[in-house]
Amino acid sequence: MAAVLALVLALKTKEFHSNFLNIFVNSLILTMIHEVAGFVQAFVEVTGQAQKLHIVITVCLWVRNYHICTIVITNSVWVMERMFATYKIYDYETKKYIFISVFCLAEIQLSSMIWVYIWSTDVFPIDSMIALAVLSHLFPLITIYFVHKLNKKLDEKRLSEYCYVSYSLSQRFQLEENLRTITFVRNVFLFTLAFDYPIMGFIYIYNKAETEADRCFWSMFVDGFCLTYAFFYPLLYVVSSPKCRDFLQFYYNRHFQRPRTADLEYVVSVDKRVMCQIEQDNHFAFLQQIWGENPRNDKK
């Protein structure tokens, strides 16, 4: 459902869309579905209707397991989209690579279904599942490293080209998007590492002597707690940080307009010797205009 809605958004806004925006909306929809399923499950448990409404509990568990896996995988897909945007930085916006949104959303859904199948069928023991969860969180960190290196290489190339060759607004915008994505996924990783894994270990020990109903209710609370800190807190930081005004202007504008050119201008450092040479040439040109001759050849 979330993938279909996000894909419709991508097609409706293909004239001025952002692949990052499509994945962002997809993740928000997934989070809302996850939270609604959690509240429904908690309500059934609290009201004592778990035995009568066992099918509701089962459906909620499937929905929540599917979407919590999808949210984790979305972090990797964000970085994947940024890597492609950096590789195609010279024509990424002009050619409108709509298939990137389709590919990313399809990858999210396929990976999530595989995760849910593994989780629900007990293919691997719980220890192996925890190890897979750790590896799935390390993958975004590794890809972030390569995006950072690629972005740094492009930035150094831009600075070495003096001031005659500069990146266009579209190219500078993609570099800015890289920085925002790296910051966001880094925050998600750090908060997940700080809150999710310790509680995961506690739940693993605590649930050994508990019933299925208690495990469902307790896991709902823990998932909501971890999800709040690992997902919504970085979003709150993005919204409140003064450094992200360009981000707000782009994503919350009605027509998805880009920030002004001045907001994304890079300050190009110019060698002092070049500046002195330019100043000297201008000085001699001024003297030549006044004297009507080349002052460098006045000895002839």
C-alpha atoms as a PDB file:
ATOM      1  CA  MET A   1       0.000   0.000   0.000  1.00  0.00           C
ATOM      2  CA  ALA A   2       2.747   2.446   0.944  1.00  0.00           C
ATOM      3  CA  ALA A   3       4.703   1.635  -2.201  1.00  0.00           C
ATOM      4  CA  VAL A   4       1.626   2.200  -4.383  1.00  0.00           C
ATOM      5  CA  LEU A   5       0.894   5.572  -2.778  1.00  0.00           C
ATOM      6  CA  ALA A   6       4.509   6.660  -3.087  1.00  0.00           C
ATOM      7  CA  LEU A   7       4.623   5.512  -6.709  1.00  0.00           C
ATOM      8  CA  VAL A   8       1.462   7.512  -7.483  1.00  0.00           C
ATOM      9  CA  LEU A   9       3.123  10.538  -5.929  1.00  0.00           C
ATOM     10  CA  ALA A  10       6.201   9.967  -8.080  1.00  0.00           C
ATOM     11  CA  LEU A  11       4.129   9.831 -11.265  1.00  0.00           C
ATOM     12  CA  LYS A  12       1.988  12.840 -10.340  1.00  0.00           C
ATOM     13  CA  THR A  13       5.026  14.981  -9.580  1.00  0.00           C
ATOM     14  CA  LYS A  14       7.339  13.699 -12.308  1.00  0.00           C
ATOM     15  CA  GLU A  15       7.824  17.200 -13.719  1.00  0.00           C
ATOM     16  CA  PHE A  16       9.449  18.461 -10.535  1.00  0.00           C
ATOM     17  CA  HIS A  17       9.796  15.392  -8.375  1.00  0.00           C
ATOM     18  CA  SER A  18      12.676  14.262  -6.211  1.00  0.00           C
ATOM     19  CA  ASN A  19      13.468  10.567  -5.827  1.00  0.00           C
ATOM     20  CA  PHE A  20      14.567  11.286  -2.289  1.00  0.00           C
ATOM     21  CA  LEU A  21      11.176  12.866  -1.608  1.00  0.00           C
ATOM     22  CA  ASN A  22       9.355   9.783  -2.907  1.00  0.00           C
ATOM     23  CA  ILE A  23      11.304   7.468  -0.617  1.00  0.00           C
ATOM     24  CA  PHE A  24      10.837   9.912   2.266  1.00  0.00           C
ATOM     25  CA  VAL A  25       7.040   9.883   1.838  1.00  0.00           C
ATOM     26  CA  ASN A  26       7.078   6.100   1.510  1.00  0.00           C
ATOM     27  CA  SER A  27       8.882   5.803   4.832  1.00  0.00           C
ATOM     28  CA  LEU A  28       6.440   8.175   6.546  1.00  0.00           C
ATOM     29  CA  ILE A  29       3.483   6.129   5.303  1.00  0.00           C
ATOM     30  CA  LEU A  30       5.138   2.932   6.523  1.00  0.00           C
ATOM     31  CA  THR A  31       5.697   4.473   9.941  1.00  0.00           C
ATOM     32  CA  MET A  32       2.070   5.562  10.250  1.00  0.00           C
ATOM     33  CA  ILE A  33       0.830   2.082   9.296  1.00  0.00           C
ATOM     34  CA  HIS A  34       3.218   0.536  11.824  1.00  0.00           C
ATOM     35  CA  GLU A  35       2.003   2.800  14.629  1.00  0.00           C
ATOM     36  CA  VAL A  36      -1.699   2.292  13.823  1.00  0.00           C
ATOM     37  CA  ALA A  37      -1.243  -1.487  13.880  1.00  0.00           C
ATOM     38  CA  GLY A  38       0.568  -1.183  17.206  1.00  0.00           C
ATOM     39  CA  PHE A  39      -2.227   0.858  18.771  1.00  0.00           C
ATOM     40  CA  VAL A  40      -4.850  -1.613  17.534  1.00  0.00           C
ATOM     41  CA  GLN A  41      -2.898  -4.513  18.993  1.00  0.00           C
ATOM     42  CA  ALA A  42      -2.417  -2.712  22.308  1.00  0.00           C
ATOM     43  CA  PHE A  43      -6.127  -1.847  22.495  1.00  0.00           C
ATOM     44  CA  VAL A  44      -7.110  -5.477  21.943  1.00  0.00           C
ATOM     45  CA  GLU A  45      -4.647  -6.637  24.608  1.00  0.00           C
ATOM     46  CA  VAL A  46      -5.688  -4.044  27.198  1.00  0.00           C
ATOM     47  CA  THR A  47      -9.422  -4.668  26.767  1.00  0.00           C
ATOM     48  CA  GLY A  48      -8.937  -8.401  27.273  1.00  0.00           C
ATOM     49  CA  GLN A  49     -10.240  -9.357  23.839  1.00  0.00           C
ATOM     50  CA  ALA A  50      -7.076 -11.141  22.752  1.00  0.00           C
ATOM     51  CA  GLN A  51      -8.688 -14.599  22.815  1.00  0.00           C
ATOM     52  CA  LYS A  52     -11.775 -13.532  20.859  1.00  0.00           C
ATOM     53  CA  LEU A  53      -9.883 -11.366  18.398  1.00  0.00           C
ATOM     54  CA  HIS A  54      -6.879 -13.616  17.879  1.00  0.00           C
ATOM     55  CA  ILE A  55      -6.974 -12.974  14.121  1.00  0.00           C
ATOM     56  CA  VAL A  56      -6.588  -9.230  14.786  1.00  0.00           C
ATOM     57  CA  ILE A  57      -3.482  -9.870  16.882  1.00  0.00           C
ATOM     58  CA  THR A  58      -2.034 -12.066  14.139  1.00  0.00           C
ATOM     59  CA  VAL A  59      -2.679  -9.492  11.418  1.00  0.00           C
ATOM     60  CA  CYS A  60      -1.214  -6.681  13.530  1.00  0.00           C
ATOM     61  CA  LEU A  61       1.917  -8.711  14.208  1.00  0.00           C
ATOM     62  CA  TRP A  62       2.418  -9.386  10.501  1.00  0.00           C
ATOM     63  CA  VAL A  63       1.833  -5.743   9.606  1.00  0.00           C
ATOM     64  CA  ARG A  64       4.186  -4.456  12.294  1.00  0.00           C
ATOM     65  CA  ASN A  65       6.952  -6.945  11.537  1.00  0.00           C
ATOM     66  CA  TYR A  66       6.710  -6.152   7.834  1.00  0.00           C
ATOM     67  CA  HIS A  67       6.809  -2.397   8.266  1.00  0.00           C
ATOM     68  CA  ILE A  68       9.499  -2.247  10.948  1.00  0.00           C
ATOM     69  CA  CYS A  69      11.754  -4.236   8.598  1.00  0.00           C
ATOM     70  CA  THR A  70      10.819  -1.914   5.751  1.00  0.00           C
ATOM     71  CA  ILE A  71      11.711   1.194   7.748  1.00  0.00           C
ATOM     72  CA  VAL A  72      15.152  -0.223   8.515  1.00  0.00           C
ATOM     73  CA  ILE A  73      15.752  -1.171   4.876  1.00  0.00           C
ATOM     74  CA  THR A  74      14.593   2.268   3.724  1.00  0.00           C
ATOM     75  CA  ASN A  75      17.691   3.784   5.309  1.00  0.00           C
ATOM     76  CA  SER A  76      19.873   1.738   2.970  1.00  0.00           C
ATOM     77  CA  VAL A  77      17.738   2.620  -0.037  1.00  0.00           C
ATOM     78  CA  TRP A  78      18.073   6.331   0.715  1.00  0.00           C
ATOM     79  CA  VAL A  79      21.830   5.993   0.543  1.00  0.00           C
ATOM     80  CA  MET A  80      21.578   3.916  -2.636  1.00  0.00           C
ATOM     81  CA  GLU A  81      19.553   6.672  -4.319  1.00  0.00           C
ATOM     82  CA  ARG A  82      22.096   9.276  -3.264  1.00  0.00           C
ATOM     83  CA  MET A  83      24.967   7.207  -4.659  1.00  0.00           C
ATOM     84  CA  PHE A  84      23.235   7.072  -8.041  1.00  0.00           C
ATOM     85  CA  ALA A  85      22.465  10.800  -7.891  1.00  0.00           C
ATOM     86  CA  THR A  86      26.117  11.570  -7.187  1.00  0.00           C
ATOM     87  CA  TYR A  87      27.289   9.313  -9.994  1.00  0.00           C
ATOM     88  CA  LYS A  88      24.855  10.986 -12.427  1.00  0.00           C
ATOM     89  CA  ILE A  89      25.256  14.457 -10.959  1.00  0.00           C
ATOM     90  CA  TYR A  90      25.661  16.209 -14.314  1.00  0.00           C
ATOM     91  CA  ASP A  91      22.238  15.208 -15.665  1.00  0.00           C
ATOM     92  CA  TYR A  92      20.380  13.692 -12.703  1.00  0.00           C
ATOM     93  CA  GLU A  93      17.624  16.310 -12.607  1.00  0.00           C
ATOM     94  CA  THR A  94      17.450  17.159 -16.283  1.00  0.00           C
ATOM     95  CA  LYS A  95      16.784  13.582 -17.419  1.00  0.00           C
ATOM     96  CA  LYS A  96      14.245  12.792 -14.660  1.00  0.00           C
ATOM     97  CA  TYR A  97      15.331   9.286 -13.675  1.00  0.00           C
ATOM     98  CA  ILE A  98      11.857   8.189 -12.629  1.00  0.00           C
ATOM     99  CA  PHE A  99      12.881   4.509 -12.662  1.00  0.00           C
ATOM    100  CA  ILE A 100      15.076   5.146  -9.618  1.00  0.00           C
ATOM    101  CA  SER A 101      11.989   5.716  -7.465  1.00  0.00           C
ATOM    102  CA  VAL A 102      10.365   2.574  -8.864  1.00  0.00           C
ATOM    103  CA  PHE A 103      13.513   0.513  -8.316  1.00  0.00           C
ATOM    104  CA  CYS A 104      14.024   1.776  -4.758  1.00  0.00           C
ATOM    105  CA  LEU A 105      10.397   1.180  -3.748  1.00  0.00           C
ATOM    106  CA  ALA A 106      10.439  -2.302  -5.291  1.00  0.00           C
ATOM    107  CA  GLU A 107      13.676  -3.116  -3.464  1.00  0.00           C
ATOM    108  CA  ILE A 108      12.132  -1.978  -0.183  1.00  0.00           C
ATOM    109  CA  GLN A 109       9.057  -4.181  -0.580  1.00  0.00           C
ATOM    110  CA  LEU A 110      10.982  -7.262  -1.761  1.00  0.00           C
ATOM    111  CA  SER A 111      13.547  -7.038   1.033  1.00  0.00           C
ATOM    112  CA  SER A 112      10.834  -6.550   3.641  1.00  0.00           C
ATOM    113  CA  MET A 113       8.896  -9.605   2.456  1.00  0.00           C
ATOM    114  CA  ILE A 114      12.057 -11.703   2.688  1.00  0.00           C
ATOM    115  CA  TRP A 115      12.714 -10.420   6.202  1.00  0.00           C
ATOM    116  CA  VAL A 116       9.150 -11.147   7.346  1.00  0.00           C
ATOM    117  CA  TYR A 117       9.312 -14.654   5.897  1.00  0.00           C
ATOM    118  CA  ILE A 118      12.553 -15.363   7.734  1.00  0.00           C
ATOM    119  CA  TRP A 119      11.209 -13.857  10.957  1.00  0.00           C
ATOM    120  CA  SER A 120       7.813 -15.592  10.910  1.00  0.00           C
ATOM    121  CA  THR A 121       8.934 -19.065   9.836  1.00  0.00           C
ATOM    122  CA  ASP A 122      11.806 -19.382  12.333  1.00  0.00           C
ATOM    123  CA  VAL A 123      14.265 -20.244   9.578  1.00  0.00           C
ATOM    124  CA  PHE A 124      17.079 -18.933  11.773  1.00  0.00           C
ATOM    125  CA  PRO A 125      17.366 -19.012  15.577  1.00  0.00           C
ATOM    126  CA  ILE A 126      16.931 -15.777  17.530  1.00  0.00           C
ATOM    127  CA  ASP A 127      20.697 -15.293  17.893  1.00  0.00           C
ATOM    128  CA  SER A 128      21.125 -15.386  14.125  1.00  0.00           C
ATOM    129  CA  MET A 129      18.253 -12.937  13.699  1.00  0.00           C
ATOM    130  CA  ILE A 130      19.918 -10.452  16.042  1.00  0.00           C
ATOM    131  CA  ALA A 131      23.155 -10.839  14.077  1.00  0.00           C
ATOM    132  CA  LEU A 132      21.279 -10.174  10.816  1.00  0.00           C
ATOM    133  CA  ALA A 133      19.688  -7.085  12.369  1.00  0.00           C
ATOM    134  CA  VAL A 134      23.110  -5.758  13.338  1.00  0.00           C
ATOM    135  CA  LEU A 135      24.445  -6.370   9.818  1.00  0.00           C
ATOM    136  CA  SER A 136      21.420  -4.660   8.271  1.00  0.00           C
ATOM    137  CA  HIS A 137      22.204  -1.551  10.315  1.00  0.00           C
ATOM    138  CA  LEU A 138      25.891  -1.675   9.418  1.00  0.00           C
ATOM    139  CA  PHE A 139      25.155  -1.699   5.682  1.00  0.00           C
ATOM    140  CA  PRO A 140      23.933   1.939   5.621  1.00  0.00           C
ATOM    141  CA  LEU A 141      27.024   2.969   7.558  1.00  0.00           C
ATOM    142  CA  ILE A 142      29.305   1.323   4.980  1.00  0.00           C
ATOM    143  CA  THR A 143      27.469   2.866   2.049  1.00  0.00           C
ATOM    144  CA  ILE A 144      27.556   6.256   3.765  1.00  0.00           C
ATOM    145  CA  TYR A 145      31.342   5.998   3.805  1.00  0.00           C
ATOM    146  CA  PHE A 146      31.492   5.486   0.035  1.00  0.00           C
ATOM    147  CA  VAL A 147      29.025   8.320  -0.577  1.00  0.00           C
ATOM    148  CA  HIS A 148      31.128  10.590   1.613  1.00  0.00           C
ATOM    149  CA  LYS A 149      34.316   9.706  -0.277  1.00  0.00           C
ATOM    150  CA  LEU A 150      32.657  10.237  -3.650  1.00  0.00           C
ATOM    151  CA  ASN A 151      31.122  13.518  -2.545  1.00  0.00           C
ATOM    152  CA  LYS A 152      34.456  14.705  -1.157  1.00  0.00           C
ATOM    153  CA  LYS A 153      36.227  13.807  -4.401  1.00  0.00           C
ATOM    154  CA  LEU A 154      33.750  15.827  -6.444  1.00  0.00           C
ATOM    155  CA  ASP A 155      34.056  18.747  -4.054  1.00  0.00           C
ATOM    156  CA  GLU A 156      37.854  18.735  -4.277  1.00  0.00           C
ATOM    157  CA  LYS A 157      37.635  18.596  -8.062  1.00  0.00           C
ATOM    158  CA  ARG A 158      35.321  21.591  -8.037  1.00  0.00           C
ATOM    159  CA  LEU A 159      37.683  23.607  -5.843  1.00  0.00           C
ATOM    160  CA  SER A 160      40.665  22.733  -8.042  1.00  0.00           C
ATOM    161  CA  GLU A 161      38.944  24.052 -11.154  1.00  0.00           C
ATOM    162  CA  TYR A 162      39.499  27.661 -10.023  1.00  0.00           C
ATOM    163  CA  CYS A 163      36.490  29.929 -10.636  1.00  0.00           C
ATOM    164  CA  TYR A 164      36.029  29.642 -14.398  1.00  0.00           C
ATOM    165  CA  VAL A 165      34.256  26.257 -14.129  1.00  0.00           C
ATOM    166  CA  SER A 166      31.546  26.023 -11.476  1.00  0.00           C
ATOM    167  CA  TYR A 167      28.768  23.558 -10.809  1.00  0.00           C
ATOM    168  CA  SER A 168      25.261  24.424 -11.895  1.00  0.00           C
ATOM    169  CA  LEU A 169      22.425  24.874  -9.428  1.00  0.00           C
ATOM    170  CA  SER A 170      21.233  21.334 -10.129  1.00  0.00           C
ATOM    171  CA  GLN A 171      24.662  19.855  -9.402  1.00  0.00           C
ATOM    172  CA  ARG A 172      25.153  21.887  -6.231  1.00  0.00           C
ATOM    173  CA  PHE A 173      21.676  20.879  -5.120  1.00  0.00           C
ATOM    174  CA  GLN A 174      22.532  17.183  -5.415  1.00  0.00           C
ATOM    175  CA  LEU A 175      25.661  17.698  -3.316  1.00  0.00           C
ATOM    176  CA  GLU A 176      23.551  19.436  -0.681  1.00  0.00           C
ATOM    177  CA  GLU A 177      21.115  16.515  -0.776  1.00  0.00           C
ATOM    178  CA  ASN A 178      24.005  14.152  -0.102  1.00  0.00           C
ATOM    179  CA  LEU A 179      24.955  16.040   3.036  1.00  0.00           C
ATOM    180  CA  ARG A 180      21.374  16.011   4.307  1.00  0.00           C
ATOM    181  CA  THR A 181      20.990  12.294   3.634  1.00  0.00           C
ATOM    182  CA  ILE A 182      24.286  11.417   5.279  1.00  0.00           C
ATOM    183  CA  THR A 183      23.331  13.412   8.370  1.00  0.00           C
ATOM    184  CA  PHE A 184      19.868  11.889   8.571  1.00  0.00           C
ATOM    185  CA  VAL A 185      20.896   8.250   8.144  1.00  0.00           C
ATOM    186  CA  ARG A 186      23.802   8.749  10.544  1.00  0.00           C
ATOM    187  CA  ASN A 187      21.398   9.986  13.217  1.00  0.00           C
ATOM    188  CA  VAL A 188      19.055   7.059  12.613  1.00  0.00           C
ATOM    189  CA  PHE A 189      21.952   4.635  12.972  1.00  0.00           C
ATOM    190  CA  LEU A 190      23.265   6.233  16.174  1.00  0.00           C
ATOM    191  CA  PHE A 191      19.889   6.397  17.894  1.00  0.00           C
ATOM    192  CA  THR A 192      19.036   2.849  16.848  1.00  0.00           C
ATOM    193  CA  LEU A 193      22.377   1.660  18.168  1.00  0.00           C
ATOM    194  CA  ALA A 194      21.873   3.522  21.454  1.00  0.00           C
ATOM    195  CA  PHE A 195      18.264   2.502  22.169  1.00  0.00           C
ATOM    196  CA  ASP A 196      17.247  -0.458  20.017  1.00  0.00           C
ATOM    197  CA  TYR A 197      19.968  -3.032  20.653  1.00  0.00           C
ATOM    198  CA  PRO A 198      20.131  -2.741  24.480  1.00  0.00           C
ATOM    199  CA  ILE A 199      16.364  -3.096  24.708  1.00  0.00           C
ATOM    200  CA  MET A 200      16.472  -5.935  22.181  1.00  0.00           C
ATOM    201  CA  GLY A 201      18.832  -7.820  24.480  1.00  0.00           C
ATOM    202  CA  PHE A 202      16.631  -7.102  27.485  1.00  0.00           C
ATOM    203  CA  ILE A 203      13.552  -8.349  25.633  1.00  0.00           C
ATOM    204  CA  TYR A 204      15.392 -11.495  24.587  1.00  0.00           C
ATOM    205  CA  ILE A 205      16.059 -12.326  28.240  1.00  0.00           C
ATOM    206  CA  TYR A 206      12.716 -11.138  29.580  1.00  0.00           C
ATOM    207  CA  ASN A 207      10.510 -12.982  27.086  1.00  0.00           C
ATOM    208  CA  LYS A 208      11.788 -16.460  27.901  1.00  0.00           C
ATOM    209  CA  ALA A 209       9.314 -16.907  30.761  1.00  0.00           C
ATOM    210  CA  GLU A 210       6.391 -14.891  29.374  1.00  0.00           C
ATOM    211  CA  THR A 211       3.241 -15.786  27.479  1.00  0.00           C
ATOM    212  CA  GLU A 212       2.572 -14.967  23.851  1.00  0.00           C
ATOM    213  CA  ALA A 213       0.150 -12.153  24.746  1.00  0.00           C
ATOM    214  CA  ASP A 214       2.656 -10.495  27.066  1.00  0.00           C
ATOM    215  CA  ARG A 215       5.362 -10.751  24.434  1.00  0.00           C
ATOM    216  CA  CYS A 216       3.104  -9.086  21.870  1.00  0.00           C
ATOM    217  CA  PHE A 217       2.179  -6.216  24.168  1.00  0.00           C
ATOM    218  CA  TRP A 218       5.727  -5.674  25.436  1.00  0.00           C
ATOM    219  CA  SER A 219       7.255  -5.828  21.961  1.00  0.00           C
ATOM    220  CA  MET A 220       4.723  -3.220  20.786  1.00  0.00           C
ATOM    221  CA  PHE A 221       5.870  -0.845  23.517  1.00  0.00           C
ATOM    222  CA  VAL A 222       9.548  -1.429  22.775  1.00  0.00           C
ATOM    223  CA  ASP A 223       9.091  -1.062  19.014  1.00  0.00           C
ATOM    224  CA  GLY A 224       7.258   2.205  19.488  1.00  0.00           C
ATOM    225  CA  PHE A 225       9.897   3.491  21.897  1.00  0.00           C
ATOM    226  CA  CYS A 226      12.788   2.561  19.620  1.00  0.00           C
ATOM    227  CA  LEU A 227      11.040   3.846  16.534  1.00  0.00           C
ATOM    228  CA  THR A 228      10.362   7.194  18.189  1.00  0.00           C
ATOM    229  CA  TYR A 229      14.003   7.759  19.027  1.00  0.00           C
ATOM    230  CA  ALA A 230      15.482   6.167  15.925  1.00  0.00           C
ATOM    231  CA  PHE A 231      13.227   7.788  13.345  1.00  0.00           C
ATOM    232  CA  PHE A 232      11.203  10.773  14.532  1.00  0.00           C
ATOM    233  CA  TYR A 233      13.906  12.439  16.609  1.00  0.00           C
ATOM    234  CA  PRO A 234      16.180  12.959  13.570  1.00  0.00           C
ATOM    235  CA  LEU A 235      13.151  14.359  11.748  1.00  0.00           C
ATOM    236  CA  LEU A 236      12.562  16.748  14.640  1.00  0.00           C
ATOM    237  CA  TYR A 237      16.198  17.791  14.415  1.00  0.00           C
ATOM    238  CA  VAL A 238      15.835  18.418  10.690  1.00  0.00           C
ATOM    239  CA  VAL A 239      12.732  20.536  11.230  1.00  0.00           C
ATOM    240  CA  SER A 240      14.159  22.610  14.084  1.00  0.00           C
ATOM    241  CA  SER A 241      17.750  23.068  12.934  1.00  0.00           C
ATOM    242  CA  PRO A 242      18.463  26.489  11.376  1.00  0.00           C
ATOM    243  CA  LYS A 243      20.995  24.776   9.110  1.00  0.00           C
ATOM    244  CA  CYS A 244      18.158  22.953   7.344  1.00  0.00           C
ATOM    245  CA  ARG A 245      16.090  25.913   6.157  1.00  0.00           C
ATOM    246  CA  ASP A 246      16.841  24.995   2.578  1.00  0.00           C
ATOM    247  CA  PHE A 247      15.574  21.497   3.341  1.00  0.00           C
ATOM    248  CA  LEU A 248      12.301  22.908   4.682  1.00  0.00           C
ATOM    249  CA  GLN A 249      11.929  25.320   1.804  1.00  0.00           C
ATOM    250  CA  PHE A 250      12.298  22.492  -0.695  1.00  0.00           C
ATOM    251  CA  TYR A 251      10.224  19.724   0.910  1.00  0.00           C
ATOM    252  CA  TYR A 252       7.412  21.725   2.432  1.00  0.00           C
ATOM    253  CA  ASN A 253       6.894  24.126  -0.450  1.00  0.00           C
ATOM    254  CA  ARG A 254       3.628  23.501  -2.269  1.00  0.00           C
ATOM    255  CA  HIS A 255       5.267  23.117  -5.654  1.00  0.00           C
ATOM    256  CA  PHE A 256       8.489  21.476  -4.438  1.00  0.00           C
ATOM    257  CA  GLN A 257      10.518  24.451  -5.599  1.00  0.00           C
ATOM    258  CA  ARG A 258      14.240  24.467  -5.061  1.00  0.00           C
ATOM    259  CA  PRO A 259      15.913  26.977  -2.766  1.00  0.00           C
ATOM    260  CA  ARG A 260      17.208  30.207  -4.178  1.00  0.00           C
ATOM    261  CA  THR A 261      20.503  30.122  -6.008  1.00  0.00           C
ATOM    262  CA  ALA A 262      22.138  32.310  -3.383  1.00  0.00           C
ATOM    263  CA  ASP A 263      21.336  29.788  -0.651  1.00  0.00           C
ATOM    264  CA  LEU A 264      23.383  27.079  -2.354  1.00  0.00           C
ATOM    265  CA  GLU A 265      26.254  29.139  -3.707  1.00  0.00           C
ATOM    266  CA  TYR A 266      29.681  27.799  -2.893  1.00  0.00           C
ATOM    267  CA  VAL A 267      32.439  30.139  -1.831  1.00  0.00           C
ATOM    268  CA  VAL A 268      35.247  29.347  -4.269  1.00  0.00           C
ATOM    269  CA  SER A 269      38.691  29.943  -2.850  1.00  0.00           C
ATOM    270  CA  VAL A 270      41.083  31.621  -5.314  1.00  0.00           C
ATOM    271  CA  ASP A 271      44.862  31.526  -4.966  1.00  0.00           C
ATOM    272  CA  LYS A 272      46.348  34.837  -3.842  1.00  0.00           C
ATOM    273  CA  ARG A 273      48.942  34.742  -6.595  1.00  0.00           C
ATOM    274  CA  VAL A 274      46.209  34.586  -9.204  1.00  0.00           C
ATOM    275  CA  MET A 275      44.465  37.549  -7.597  1.00  0.00           C
ATOM    276  CA  CYS A 276      47.712  39.525  -7.610  1.00  0.00           C
ATOM    277  CA  GLN A 277      48.283  38.684 -11.263  1.00  0.00           C
ATOM    278  CA  ILE A 278      44.767  39.835 -12.167  1.00  0.00           C
ATOM    279  CA  GLU A 279      45.247  43.056 -10.227  1.00  0.00           C
ATOM    280  CA  GLN A 280      48.613  43.652 -11.905  1.00  0.00           C
ATOM    281  CA  ASP A 281      47.177  43.058 -15.381  1.00  0.00           C
ATOM    282  CA  ASN A 282      44.339  45.470 -14.693  1.00  0.00           C
ATOM    283  CA  HIS A 283      46.836  48.074 -13.506  1.00  0.00           C
ATOM    284  CA  PHE A 284      48.943  47.811 -16.679  1.00  0.00           C
ATOM    285  CA  ALA A 285      45.818  47.920 -18.832  1.00  0.00           C
ATOM    286  CA  PHE A 286      44.787  51.125 -17.064  1.00  0.00           C
ATOM    287  CA  LEU A 287      48.214  52.678 -17.635  1.00  0.00           C
ATOM    288  CA  GLN A 288      48.159  51.678 -21.284  1.00  0.00           C
ATOM    289  CA  GLN A 289      44.793  53.369 -21.698  1.00  0.00           C
ATOM    290  CA  ILE A 290      46.120  56.611 -20.172  1.00  0.00           C
ATOM    291  CA  TRP A 291      49.527  56.727 -21.875  1.00  0.00           C
ATOM    292  CA  GLY A 292      48.480  55.145 -25.133  1.00  0.00           C
ATOM    293  CA  GLU A 293      51.332  52.693 -24.994  1.00  0.00           C
ATOM    294  CA  ASN A 294      52.371  49.501 -23.260  1.00  0.00           C
ATOM    295  CA  PRO A 295      54.244  50.495 -20.087  1.00  0.00           C
ATOM    296  CA  ARG A 296      56.046  47.147 -20.082  1.00  0.00           C
ATOM    297  CA  ASN A 297      57.765  48.114 -23.318  1.00  0.00           C
ATOM    298  CA  ASP A 298      58.553  51.750 -22.429  1.00  0.00           C
ATOM    299  CA  LYS A 299      62.287  51.087 -22.688  1.00  0.00           C
ATOM    300  CA  LYS A 300      62.074  50.434 -26.414  1.00  0.00           C
END
